[in-house]
PDB file of all heavy atoms in Angstrom:
ATOM      1  N   ASP A   1      -2.952  20.694 -47.352  1.00  0.00           N
ATOM      2  CA  ASP A   1      -2.456  19.954 -46.199  1.00  0.00           C
ATOM      3  C   ASP A   1      -1.653  20.941 -45.360  1.00  0.00           C
ATOM      4  O   ASP A   1      -1.489  22.113 -45.727  1.00  0.00           O
ATOM      5  CB  ASP A   1      -1.627  18.746 -46.637  1.00  0.00           C
ATOM      6  CG  ASP A   1      -0.299  19.118 -47.282  1.00  0.00           C
ATOM      7  OD1 ASP A   1      -0.187  20.232 -47.848  1.00  0.00           O
ATOM      8  OD2 ASP A   1       0.635  18.303 -47.216  1.00  0.00           O
ATOM      9  N   ALA A   2      -1.154  20.502 -44.206  1.00  0.00           N
ATOM     10  CA  ALA A   2      -0.490  21.428 -43.294  1.00  0.00           C
ATOM     11  C   ALA A   2       0.739  22.084 -43.927  1.00  0.00           C
ATOM     12  O   ALA A   2       0.971  23.295 -43.779  1.00  0.00           O
ATOM     13  CB  ALA A   2      -0.097  20.693 -42.013  1.00  0.00           C
ATOM     14  N   GLU A   3       1.537  21.292 -44.634  1.00  0.00           N
ATOM     15  CA  GLU A   3       2.765  21.818 -45.239  1.00  0.00           C
ATOM     16  C   GLU A   3       2.451  22.910 -46.259  1.00  0.00           C
ATOM     17  O   GLU A   3       3.057  23.989 -46.263  1.00  0.00           O
ATOM     18  CB  GLU A   3       3.542  20.678 -45.897  1.00  0.00           C
ATOM     19  CG  GLU A   3       4.838  21.108 -46.557  1.00  0.00           C
ATOM     20  CD  GLU A   3       5.558  19.959 -47.234  1.00  0.00           C
ATOM     21  OE1 GLU A   3       5.008  18.837 -47.258  1.00  0.00           O
ATOM     22  OE2 GLU A   3       6.677  20.183 -47.737  1.00  0.00           O
ATOM     23  N   ASN A   4       1.486  22.635 -47.130  1.00  0.00           N
ATOM     24  CA  ASN A   4       1.175  23.604 -48.177  1.00  0.00           C
ATOM     25  C   ASN A   4       0.409  24.812 -47.654  1.00  0.00           C
ATOM     26  O   ASN A   4       0.477  25.902 -48.236  1.00  0.00           O
ATOM     27  CB  ASN A   4       0.382  22.925 -49.294  1.00  0.00           C
ATOM     28  CG  ASN A   4       1.270  22.112 -50.217  1.00  0.00           C
ATOM     29  OD1 ASN A   4       2.466  22.026 -49.989  1.00  0.00           O
ATOM     30  ND2 ASN A   4       0.689  21.517 -51.240  1.00  0.00           N
ATOM     31  N   PHE A   5      -0.317  24.636 -46.540  1.00  0.00           N
ATOM     32  CA  PHE A   5      -1.037  25.777 -45.979  1.00  0.00           C
ATOM     33  C   PHE A   5      -0.053  26.823 -45.458  1.00  0.00           C
ATOM     34  O   PHE A   5      -0.328  28.024 -45.489  1.00  0.00           O
ATOM     35  CB  PHE A   5      -1.967  25.325 -44.854  1.00  0.00           C
ATOM     36  CG  PHE A   5      -2.872  26.412 -44.339  1.00  0.00           C
ATOM     37  CD1 PHE A   5      -3.915  26.898 -45.112  1.00  0.00           C
ATOM     38  CD2 PHE A   5      -2.661  26.954 -43.075  1.00  0.00           C
ATOM     39  CE1 PHE A   5      -4.744  27.915 -44.641  1.00  0.00           C
ATOM     40  CE2 PHE A   5      -3.487  27.964 -42.585  1.00  0.00           C
ATOM     41  CZ  PHE A   5      -4.537  28.440 -43.370  1.00  0.00           C
ATOM     42  N   SER A   6       1.097  26.360 -44.989  1.00  0.00           N
ATOM     43  CA  SER A   6       2.094  27.297 -44.457  1.00  0.00           C
ATOM     44  C   SER A   6       2.620  28.242 -45.526  1.00  0.00           C
ATOM     45  O   SER A   6       3.088  29.347 -45.222  1.00  0.00           O
ATOM     46  CB  SER A   6       3.253  26.525 -43.824  1.00  0.00           C
ATOM     47  OG  SER A   6       3.974  25.790 -44.802  1.00  0.00           O
ATOM     48  N   THR A   7       2.541  27.836 -46.785  1.00  0.00           N
ATOM     49  CA  THR A   7       2.998  28.684 -47.893  1.00  0.00           C
ATOM     50  C   THR A   7       1.848  29.124 -48.794  1.00  0.00           C
ATOM     51  O   THR A   7       2.071  29.750 -49.828  1.00  0.00           O
ATOM     52  CB  THR A   7       4.035  27.934 -48.748  1.00  0.00           C
ATOM     53  OG1 THR A   7       3.436  26.739 -49.287  1.00  0.00           O
ATOM     54  CG2 THR A   7       5.243  27.558 -47.921  1.00  0.00           C
ATOM     55  N   LEU A   8       0.614  28.757 -48.392  1.00  0.00           N
ATOM     56  CA  LEU A   8      -0.595  29.066 -49.179  1.00  0.00           C
ATOM     57  C   LEU A   8      -0.467  28.573 -50.616  1.00  0.00           C
ATOM     58  O   LEU A   8      -0.826  29.258 -51.576  1.00  0.00           O
ATOM     59  CB  LEU A   8      -0.908  30.562 -49.146  1.00  0.00           C
ATOM     60  CG  LEU A   8      -1.338  31.114 -47.774  1.00  0.00           C
ATOM     61  CD1 LEU A   8      -1.694  32.593 -47.877  1.00  0.00           C
ATOM     62  CD2 LEU A   8      -2.524  30.327 -47.210  1.00  0.00           C
ATOM     63  N   THR A   9       0.062  27.345 -50.718  1.00  0.00           N
ATOM     64  CA  THR A   9       0.149  26.667 -52.019  1.00  0.00           C
ATOM     65  C   THR A   9      -0.901  25.560 -52.032  1.00  0.00           C
ATOM     66  O   THR A   9      -0.697  24.505 -51.419  1.00  0.00           O
ATOM     67  CB  THR A   9       1.544  26.061 -52.236  1.00  0.00           C
ATOM     68  OG1 THR A   9       2.534  27.076 -52.083  1.00  0.00           O
ATOM     69  CG2 THR A   9       1.650  25.435 -53.616  1.00  0.00           C
ATOM     70  N   PRO A  10      -2.024  25.763 -52.681  1.00  0.00           N
ATOM     71  CA  PRO A  10      -3.131  24.798 -52.556  1.00  0.00           C
ATOM     72  C   PRO A  10      -2.826  23.450 -53.195  1.00  0.00           C
ATOM     73  O   PRO A  10      -2.199  23.369 -54.249  1.00  0.00           O
ATOM     74  CB  PRO A  10      -4.296  25.496 -53.274  1.00  0.00           C
ATOM     75  CG  PRO A  10      -3.661  26.481 -54.182  1.00  0.00           C
ATOM     76  CD  PRO A  10      -2.381  26.911 -53.523  1.00  0.00           C
ATOM     77  N   ASN A  11      -3.280  22.396 -52.530  1.00  0.00           N
ATOM     78  CA  ASN A  11      -3.274  21.065 -53.139  1.00  0.00           C
ATOM     79  C   ASN A  11      -4.382  20.961 -54.182  1.00  0.00           C
ATOM     80  O   ASN A  11      -4.278  20.167 -55.121  1.00  0.00           O
ATOM     81  CB  ASN A  11      -3.502  19.989 -52.078  1.00  0.00           C
ATOM     82  CG  ASN A  11      -2.434  19.996 -51.003  1.00  0.00           C
ATOM     83  OD1 ASN A  11      -2.383  20.917 -50.201  1.00  0.00           O
ATOM     84  ND2 ASN A  11      -1.569  18.987 -50.986  1.00  0.00           N
ATOM     85  N   HIS A  12      -5.429  21.752 -53.981  1.00  0.00           N
ATOM     86  CA  HIS A  12      -6.535  21.757 -54.941  1.00  0.00           C
ATOM     87  C   HIS A  12      -7.214  23.116 -54.903  1.00  0.00           C
ATOM     88  O   HIS A  12      -7.438  23.684 -53.826  1.00  0.00           O
ATOM     89  CB  HIS A  12      -7.557  20.678 -54.603  1.00  0.00           C
ATOM     90  CG  HIS A  12      -8.749  20.656 -55.528  1.00  0.00           C
ATOM     91  ND1 HIS A  12      -8.657  20.274 -56.847  1.00  0.00           N
ATOM     92  CD2 HIS A  12     -10.057  20.978 -55.320  1.00  0.00           C
ATOM     93  CE1 HIS A  12      -9.857  20.335 -57.415  1.00  0.00           C
ATOM     94  NE2 HIS A  12     -10.714  20.767 -56.509  1.00  0.00           N
ATOM     95  N   THR A  13      -7.538  23.610 -56.081  1.00  0.00           N
ATOM     96  CA  THR A  13      -8.371  24.809 -56.212  1.00  0.00           C
ATOM     97  C   THR A  13      -9.621  24.422 -56.977  1.00  0.00           C
ATOM     98  O   THR A  13      -9.522  23.902 -58.104  1.00  0.00           O
ATOM     99  CB  THR A  13      -7.627  25.931 -56.953  1.00  0.00           C
ATOM    100  OG1 THR A  13      -6.431  26.264 -56.239  1.00  0.00           O
ATOM    101  CG2 THR A  13      -8.511  27.169 -57.059  1.00  0.00           C
ATOM    102  N   PHE A  14     -10.772  24.629 -56.379  1.00  0.00           N
ATOM    103  CA  PHE A  14     -12.016  24.248 -57.051  1.00  0.00           C
ATOM    104  C   PHE A  14     -12.224  25.132 -58.266  1.00  0.00           C
ATOM    105  O   PHE A  14     -12.166  26.367 -58.172  1.00  0.00           O
ATOM    106  CB  PHE A  14     -13.199  24.375 -56.090  1.00  0.00           C
ATOM    107  CG  PHE A  14     -13.181  23.351 -54.981  1.00  0.00           C
ATOM    108  CD1 PHE A  14     -12.675  23.674 -53.727  1.00  0.00           C
ATOM    109  CD2 PHE A  14     -13.645  22.062 -55.199  1.00  0.00           C
ATOM    110  CE1 PHE A  14     -12.641  22.730 -52.708  1.00  0.00           C
ATOM    111  CE2 PHE A  14     -13.615  21.115 -54.190  1.00  0.00           C
ATOM    112  CZ  PHE A  14     -13.104  21.443 -52.936  1.00  0.00           C
ATOM    113  N   PRO A  15     -12.445  24.513 -59.427  1.00  0.00           N
ATOM    114  CA  PRO A  15     -12.544  25.292 -60.668  1.00  0.00           C
ATOM    115  C   PRO A  15     -13.815  26.115 -60.742  1.00  0.00           C
ATOM    116  O   PRO A  15     -14.742  25.954 -59.931  1.00  0.00           O
ATOM    117  CB  PRO A  15     -12.513  24.203 -61.752  1.00  0.00           C
ATOM    118  CG  PRO A  15     -13.025  22.978 -61.075  1.00  0.00           C
ATOM    119  CD  PRO A  15     -12.571  23.066 -59.654  1.00  0.00           C
ATOM    120  N   ALA A  16     -13.858  27.006 -61.715  1.00  0.00           N
ATOM    121  CA  ALA A  16     -15.040  27.837 -61.946  1.00  0.00           C
ATOM    122  C   ALA A  16     -16.276  26.957 -62.155  1.00  0.00           C
ATOM    123  O   ALA A  16     -16.173  25.838 -62.675  1.00  0.00           O
ATOM    124  CB  ALA A  16     -14.816  28.736 -63.156  1.00  0.00           C
ATOM    125  N   ASN A  17     -17.402  27.464 -61.708  1.00  0.00           N
ATOM    126  CA  ASN A  17     -18.699  26.784 -61.842  1.00  0.00           C
ATOM    127  C   ASN A  17     -18.792  25.500 -61.012  1.00  0.00           C
ATOM    128  O   ASN A  17     -19.519  24.570 -61.384  1.00  0.00           O
ATOM    129  CB  ASN A  17     -18.998  26.481 -63.309  1.00  0.00           C
ATOM    130  CG  ASN A  17     -19.056  27.732 -64.165  1.00  0.00           C
ATOM    131  OD1 ASN A  17     -19.657  28.721 -63.769  1.00  0.00           O
ATOM    132  ND2 ASN A  17     -18.417  27.695 -65.324  1.00  0.00           N
ATOM    133  N   THR A  18     -18.058  25.456 -59.898  1.00  0.00           N
ATOM    134  CA  THR A  18     -18.234  24.354 -58.943  1.00  0.00           C
ATOM    135  C   THR A  18     -19.395  24.728 -58.032  1.00  0.00           C
ATOM    136  O   THR A  18     -19.211  25.455 -57.049  1.00  0.00           O
ATOM    137  CB  THR A  18     -16.957  24.109 -58.124  1.00  0.00           C
ATOM    138  OG1 THR A  18     -15.879  23.754 -58.996  1.00  0.00           O
ATOM    139  CG2 THR A  18     -17.185  22.978 -57.127  1.00  0.00           C
ATOM    140  N   ILE A  19     -20.563  24.273 -58.378  1.00  0.00           N
ATOM    141  CA  ILE A  19     -21.787  24.600 -57.634  1.00  0.00           C
ATOM    142  C   ILE A  19     -22.234  23.351 -56.872  1.00  0.00           C
ATOM    143  O   ILE A  19     -22.552  22.325 -57.487  1.00  0.00           O
ATOM    144  CB  ILE A  19     -22.921  25.074 -58.560  1.00  0.00           C
ATOM    145  CG1 ILE A  19     -22.428  26.211 -59.465  1.00  0.00           C
ATOM    146  CG2 ILE A  19     -24.130  25.503 -57.732  1.00  0.00           C
ATOM    147  CD1 ILE A  19     -21.985  27.443 -58.733  1.00  0.00           C
ATOM    148  N   LEU A  20     -22.244  23.434 -55.564  1.00  0.00           N
ATOM    149  CA  LEU A  20     -22.671  22.317 -54.725  1.00  0.00           C
ATOM    150  C   LEU A  20     -24.073  22.601 -54.231  1.00  0.00           C
ATOM    151  O   LEU A  20     -24.297  23.539 -53.464  1.00  0.00           O
ATOM    152  CB  LEU A  20     -21.703  22.132 -53.556  1.00  0.00           C
ATOM    153  CG  LEU A  20     -21.942  20.912 -52.657  1.00  0.00           C
ATOM    154  CD1 LEU A  20     -21.922  19.617 -53.472  1.00  0.00           C
ATOM    155  CD2 LEU A  20     -20.897  20.853 -51.549  1.00  0.00           C
ATOM    156  N   GLU A  21     -25.024  21.794 -54.667  1.00  0.00           N
ATOM    157  CA  GLU A  21     -26.421  22.013 -54.329  1.00  0.00           C
ATOM    158  C   GLU A  21     -26.668  21.771 -52.845  1.00  0.00           C
ATOM    159  O   GLU A  21     -25.914  21.061 -52.168  1.00  0.00           O
ATOM    160  CB  GLU A  21     -27.325  21.102 -55.173  1.00  0.00           C
ATOM    161  CG  GLU A  21     -27.262  21.361 -56.665  1.00  0.00           C
ATOM    162  CD  GLU A  21     -27.747  22.748 -57.052  1.00  0.00           C
ATOM    163  OE1 GLU A  21     -28.625  23.284 -56.347  1.00  0.00           O
ATOM    164  OE2 GLU A  21     -27.246  23.290 -58.050  1.00  0.00           O
ATOM    165  N   ALA A  22     -27.734  22.354 -52.340  1.00  0.00           N
ATOM    166  CA  ALA A  22     -28.094  22.222 -50.928  1.00  0.00           C
ATOM    167  C   ALA A  22     -28.267  20.753 -50.560  1.00  0.00           C
ATOM    168  O   ALA A  22     -28.948  19.999 -51.259  1.00  0.00           O
ATOM    169  CB  ALA A  22     -29.381  22.986 -50.634  1.00  0.00           C
ATOM    170  N   GLY A  23     -27.625  20.349 -49.468  1.00  0.00           N
ATOM    171  CA  GLY A  23     -27.767  18.989 -48.970  1.00  0.00           C
ATOM    172  C   GLY A  23     -26.964  17.946 -49.724  1.00  0.00           C
ATOM    173  O   GLY A  23     -26.980  16.773 -49.340  1.00  0.00           O
ATOM    174  N   LYS A  24     -26.267  18.349 -50.779  1.00  0.00           N
ATOM    175  CA  LYS A  24     -25.519  17.395 -51.593  1.00  0.00           C
ATOM    176  C   LYS A  24     -24.045  17.386 -51.187  1.00  0.00           C
ATOM    177  O   LYS A  24     -23.578  18.204 -50.415  1.00  0.00           O
ATOM    178  CB  LYS A  24     -25.654  17.730 -53.076  1.00  0.00           C
ATOM    179  CG  LYS A  24     -27.093  17.695 -53.581  1.00  0.00           C
ATOM    180  CD  LYS A  24     -27.722  16.319 -53.402  1.00  0.00           C
ATOM    181  CE  LYS A  24     -29.124  16.264 -53.968  1.00  0.00           C
ATOM    182  NZ  LYS A  24     -29.741  14.940 -53.795  1.00  0.00           N
ATOM    183  N   CYS A  25     -23.327  16.405 -51.750  1.00  0.00           N
ATOM    184  CA  CYS A  25     -21.928  16.278 -51.356  1.00  0.00           C
ATOM    185  C   CYS A  25     -20.999  16.320 -52.565  1.00  0.00           C
ATOM    186  O   CYS A  25     -21.406  16.084 -53.703  1.00  0.00           O
ATOM    187  CB  CYS A  25     -21.711  15.009 -50.550  1.00  0.00           C
ATOM    188  SG  CYS A  25     -21.551  13.500 -51.511  1.00  0.00           S
ATOM    189  N   LEU A  26     -19.767  16.648 -52.262  1.00  0.00           N
ATOM    190  CA  LEU A  26     -18.683  16.695 -53.242  1.00  0.00           C
ATOM    191  C   LEU A  26     -17.580  15.770 -52.751  1.00  0.00           C
ATOM    192  O   LEU A  26     -17.236  15.785 -51.565  1.00  0.00           O
ATOM    193  CB  LEU A  26     -18.163  18.122 -53.401  1.00  0.00           C
ATOM    194  CG  LEU A  26     -17.003  18.370 -54.366  1.00  0.00           C
ATOM    195  CD1 LEU A  26     -17.099  19.774 -54.944  1.00  0.00           C
ATOM    196  CD2 LEU A  26     -15.633  18.184 -53.706  1.00  0.00           C
ATOM    197  N   VAL A  27     -17.037  14.968 -53.659  1.00  0.00           N
ATOM    198  CA  VAL A  27     -15.919  14.089 -53.335  1.00  0.00           C
ATOM    199  C   VAL A  27     -14.708  14.560 -54.113  1.00  0.00           C
ATOM    200  O   VAL A  27     -14.753  14.698 -55.336  1.00  0.00           O
ATOM    201  CB  VAL A  27     -16.229  12.616 -53.676  1.00  0.00           C
ATOM    202  CG1 VAL A  27     -15.033  11.735 -53.328  1.00  0.00           C
ATOM    203  CG2 VAL A  27     -17.462  12.143 -52.923  1.00  0.00           C
ATOM    204  N   LEU A  28     -13.627  14.805 -53.395  1.00  0.00           N
ATOM    205  CA  LEU A  28     -12.370  15.203 -54.009  1.00  0.00           C
ATOM    206  C   LEU A  28     -11.356  14.090 -53.802  1.00  0.00           C
ATOM    207  O   LEU A  28     -10.954  13.799 -52.673  1.00  0.00           O
ATOM    208  CB  LEU A  28     -11.861  16.509 -53.393  1.00  0.00           C
ATOM    209  CG  LEU A  28     -10.474  16.965 -53.846  1.00  0.00           C
ATOM    210  CD1 LEU A  28     -10.462  17.275 -55.339  1.00  0.00           C
ATOM    211  CD2 LEU A  28     -10.017  18.177 -53.026  1.00  0.00           C
ATOM    212  N   PHE A  29     -10.948  13.449 -54.907  1.00  0.00           N
ATOM    213  CA  PHE A  29      -9.910  12.425 -54.863  1.00  0.00           C
ATOM    214  C   PHE A  29      -8.546  13.056 -55.128  1.00  0.00           C
ATOM    215  O   PHE A  29      -8.440  14.111 -55.775  1.00  0.00           O
ATOM    216  CB  PHE A  29     -10.164  11.343 -55.915  1.00  0.00           C
ATOM    217  CG  PHE A  29     -11.329  10.447 -55.605  1.00  0.00           C
ATOM    218  CD1 PHE A  29     -12.543  10.628 -56.242  1.00  0.00           C
ATOM    219  CD2 PHE A  29     -11.210   9.420 -54.680  1.00  0.00           C
ATOM    220  CE1 PHE A  29     -13.621   9.794 -55.970  1.00  0.00           C
ATOM    221  CE2 PHE A  29     -12.277   8.578 -54.397  1.00  0.00           C
ATOM    222  CZ  PHE A  29     -13.487   8.776 -55.035  1.00  0.00           C
ATOM    223  N   GLY A  30      -7.507  12.363 -54.676  1.00  0.00           N
ATOM    224  CA  GLY A  30      -6.161  12.844 -54.950  1.00  0.00           C
ATOM    225  C   GLY A  30      -5.833  12.822 -56.429  1.00  0.00           C
ATOM    226  O   GLY A  30      -5.124  13.690 -56.935  1.00  0.00           O
ATOM    227  N   GLY A  31      -6.345  11.816 -57.137  1.00  0.00           N
ATOM    228  CA  GLY A  31      -6.057  11.711 -58.566  1.00  0.00           C
ATOM    229  C   GLY A  31      -6.715  10.489 -59.154  1.00  0.00           C
ATOM    230  O   GLY A  31      -7.744  10.024 -58.672  1.00  0.00           O
ATOM    231  N   GLY A  32      -6.097   9.955 -60.184  1.00  0.00           N
ATOM    232  CA  GLY A  32      -6.656   8.796 -60.874  1.00  0.00           C
ATOM    233  C   GLY A  32      -7.818   9.179 -61.777  1.00  0.00           C
ATOM    234  O   GLY A  32      -8.031  10.347 -62.105  1.00  0.00           O
ATOM    235  N   THR A  33      -8.587   8.154 -62.157  1.00  0.00           N
ATOM    236  CA  THR A  33      -9.767   8.356 -63.002  1.00  0.00           C
ATOM    237  C   THR A  33     -10.971   7.812 -62.262  1.00  0.00           C
ATOM    238  O   THR A  33     -11.310   6.626 -62.406  1.00  0.00           O
ATOM    239  CB  THR A  33      -9.597   7.634 -64.359  1.00  0.00           C
ATOM    240  OG1 THR A  33      -8.379   8.052 -64.980  1.00  0.00           O
ATOM    241  CG2 THR A  33     -10.768   7.938 -65.281  1.00  0.00           C
ATOM    242  N   PRO A  34     -11.615   8.612 -61.420  1.00  0.00           N
ATOM    243  CA  PRO A  34     -12.751   8.116 -60.635  1.00  0.00           C
ATOM    244  C   PRO A  34     -13.800   7.466 -61.528  1.00  0.00           C
ATOM    245  O   PRO A  34     -14.238   8.052 -62.526  1.00  0.00           O
ATOM    246  CB  PRO A  34     -13.288   9.376 -59.956  1.00  0.00           C
ATOM    247  CG  PRO A  34     -12.092  10.271 -59.858  1.00  0.00           C
ATOM    248  CD  PRO A  34     -11.318  10.019 -61.112  1.00  0.00           C
ATOM    249  N   THR A  35     -14.159   6.233 -61.172  1.00  0.00           N
ATOM    250  CA  THR A  35     -15.068   5.443 -61.985  1.00  0.00           C
ATOM    251  C   THR A  35     -16.196   4.927 -61.108  1.00  0.00           C
ATOM    252  O   THR A  35     -15.957   4.223 -60.127  1.00  0.00           O
ATOM    253  CB  THR A  35     -14.327   4.263 -62.636  1.00  0.00           C
ATOM    254  OG1 THR A  35     -13.224   4.762 -63.413  1.00  0.00           O
ATOM    255  CG2 THR A  35     -15.263   3.470 -63.532  1.00  0.00           C
ATOM    256  N   GLY A  36     -17.417   5.272 -61.476  1.00  0.00           N
ATOM    257  CA  GLY A  36     -18.574   4.856 -60.692  1.00  0.00           C
ATOM    258  C   GLY A  36     -19.545   6.006 -60.528  1.00  0.00           C
ATOM    259  O   GLY A  36     -19.280   7.136 -60.963  1.00  0.00           O
ATOM    260  N   SER A  37     -20.673   5.741 -59.886  1.00  0.00           N
ATOM    261  CA  SER A  37     -21.694   6.774 -59.733  1.00  0.00           C
ATOM    262  C   SER A  37     -21.462   7.641 -58.499  1.00  0.00           C
ATOM    263  O   SER A  37     -21.869   8.801 -58.460  1.00  0.00           O
ATOM    264  CB  SER A  37     -23.078   6.133 -59.633  1.00  0.00           C
ATOM    265  OG  SER A  37     -23.181   5.335 -58.466  1.00  0.00           O
ATOM    266  N   PHE A  38     -20.831   7.080 -57.464  1.00  0.00           N
ATOM    267  CA  PHE A  38     -20.561   7.794 -56.218  1.00  0.00           C
ATOM    268  C   PHE A  38     -21.804   8.494 -55.685  1.00  0.00           C
ATOM    269  O   PHE A  38     -21.747   9.633 -55.210  1.00  0.00           O
ATOM    270  CB  PHE A  38     -19.414   8.789 -56.404  1.00  0.00           C
ATOM    271  CG  PHE A  38     -18.126   8.156 -56.844  1.00  0.00           C
ATOM    272  CD1 PHE A  38     -17.687   8.275 -58.157  1.00  0.00           C
ATOM    273  CD2 PHE A  38     -17.366   7.399 -55.951  1.00  0.00           C
ATOM    274  CE1 PHE A  38     -16.514   7.673 -58.579  1.00  0.00           C
ATOM    275  CE2 PHE A  38     -16.181   6.789 -56.365  1.00  0.00           C
ATOM    276  CZ  PHE A  38     -15.754   6.922 -57.686  1.00  0.00           C
ATOM    277  N   GLY A  39     -22.943   7.809 -55.801  1.00  0.00           N
ATOM    278  CA  GLY A  39     -24.188   8.325 -55.262  1.00  0.00           C
ATOM    279  C   GLY A  39     -24.692   9.585 -55.931  1.00  0.00           C
ATOM    280  O   GLY A  39     -25.528  10.294 -55.372  1.00  0.00           O
ATOM    281  N   GLY A  40     -24.182   9.880 -57.111  1.00  0.00           N
ATOM    282  CA  GLY A  40     -24.598  11.110 -57.796  1.00  0.00           C
ATOM    283  C   GLY A  40     -23.881  12.345 -57.283  1.00  0.00           C
ATOM    284  O   GLY A  40     -24.278  13.475 -57.592  1.00  0.00           O
ATOM    285  N   ALA A  41     -22.811  12.149 -56.512  1.00  0.00           N
ATOM    286  CA  ALA A  41     -22.073  13.275 -55.947  1.00  0.00           C
ATOM    287  C   ALA A  41     -21.307  14.033 -57.026  1.00  0.00           C
ATOM    288  O   ALA A  41     -21.030  13.513 -58.112  1.00  0.00           O
ATOM    289  CB  ALA A  41     -21.108  12.777 -54.874  1.00  0.00           C
ATOM    290  N   LEU A  42     -20.957  15.261 -56.715  1.00  0.00           N
ATOM    291  CA  LEU A  42     -20.042  16.028 -57.538  1.00  0.00           C
ATOM    292  C   LEU A  42     -18.638  15.498 -57.263  1.00  0.00           C
ATOM    293  O   LEU A  42     -18.213  15.447 -56.108  1.00  0.00           O
ATOM    294  CB  LEU A  42     -20.148  17.511 -57.171  1.00  0.00           C
ATOM    295  CG  LEU A  42     -19.383  18.529 -58.005  1.00  0.00           C
ATOM    296  CD1 LEU A  42     -19.853  18.488 -59.456  1.00  0.00           C
ATOM    297  CD2 LEU A  42     -19.596  19.925 -57.417  1.00  0.00           C
ATOM    298  N   VAL A  43     -17.911  15.072 -58.304  1.00  0.00           N
ATOM    299  CA  VAL A  43     -16.615  14.411 -58.124  1.00  0.00           C
ATOM    300  C   VAL A  43     -15.529  15.201 -58.847  1.00  0.00           C
ATOM    301  O   VAL A  43     -15.694  15.586 -60.010  1.00  0.00           O
ATOM    302  CB  VAL A  43     -16.649  12.962 -58.650  1.00  0.00           C
ATOM    303  CG1 VAL A  43     -15.279  12.308 -58.523  1.00  0.00           C
ATOM    304  CG2 VAL A  43     -17.702  12.153 -57.898  1.00  0.00           C
TER     305      VAL A  43
END
């Protein structure tokens, strides 16, 4: 977010082996336990 960008402190760092296939989508939630198929997206 804007505040953390000013100090380069990431709100999220994508972990190793985060591979997003061509034409596909990734959903990043703030937290919780995402439950559901989410269209087969990377979550």
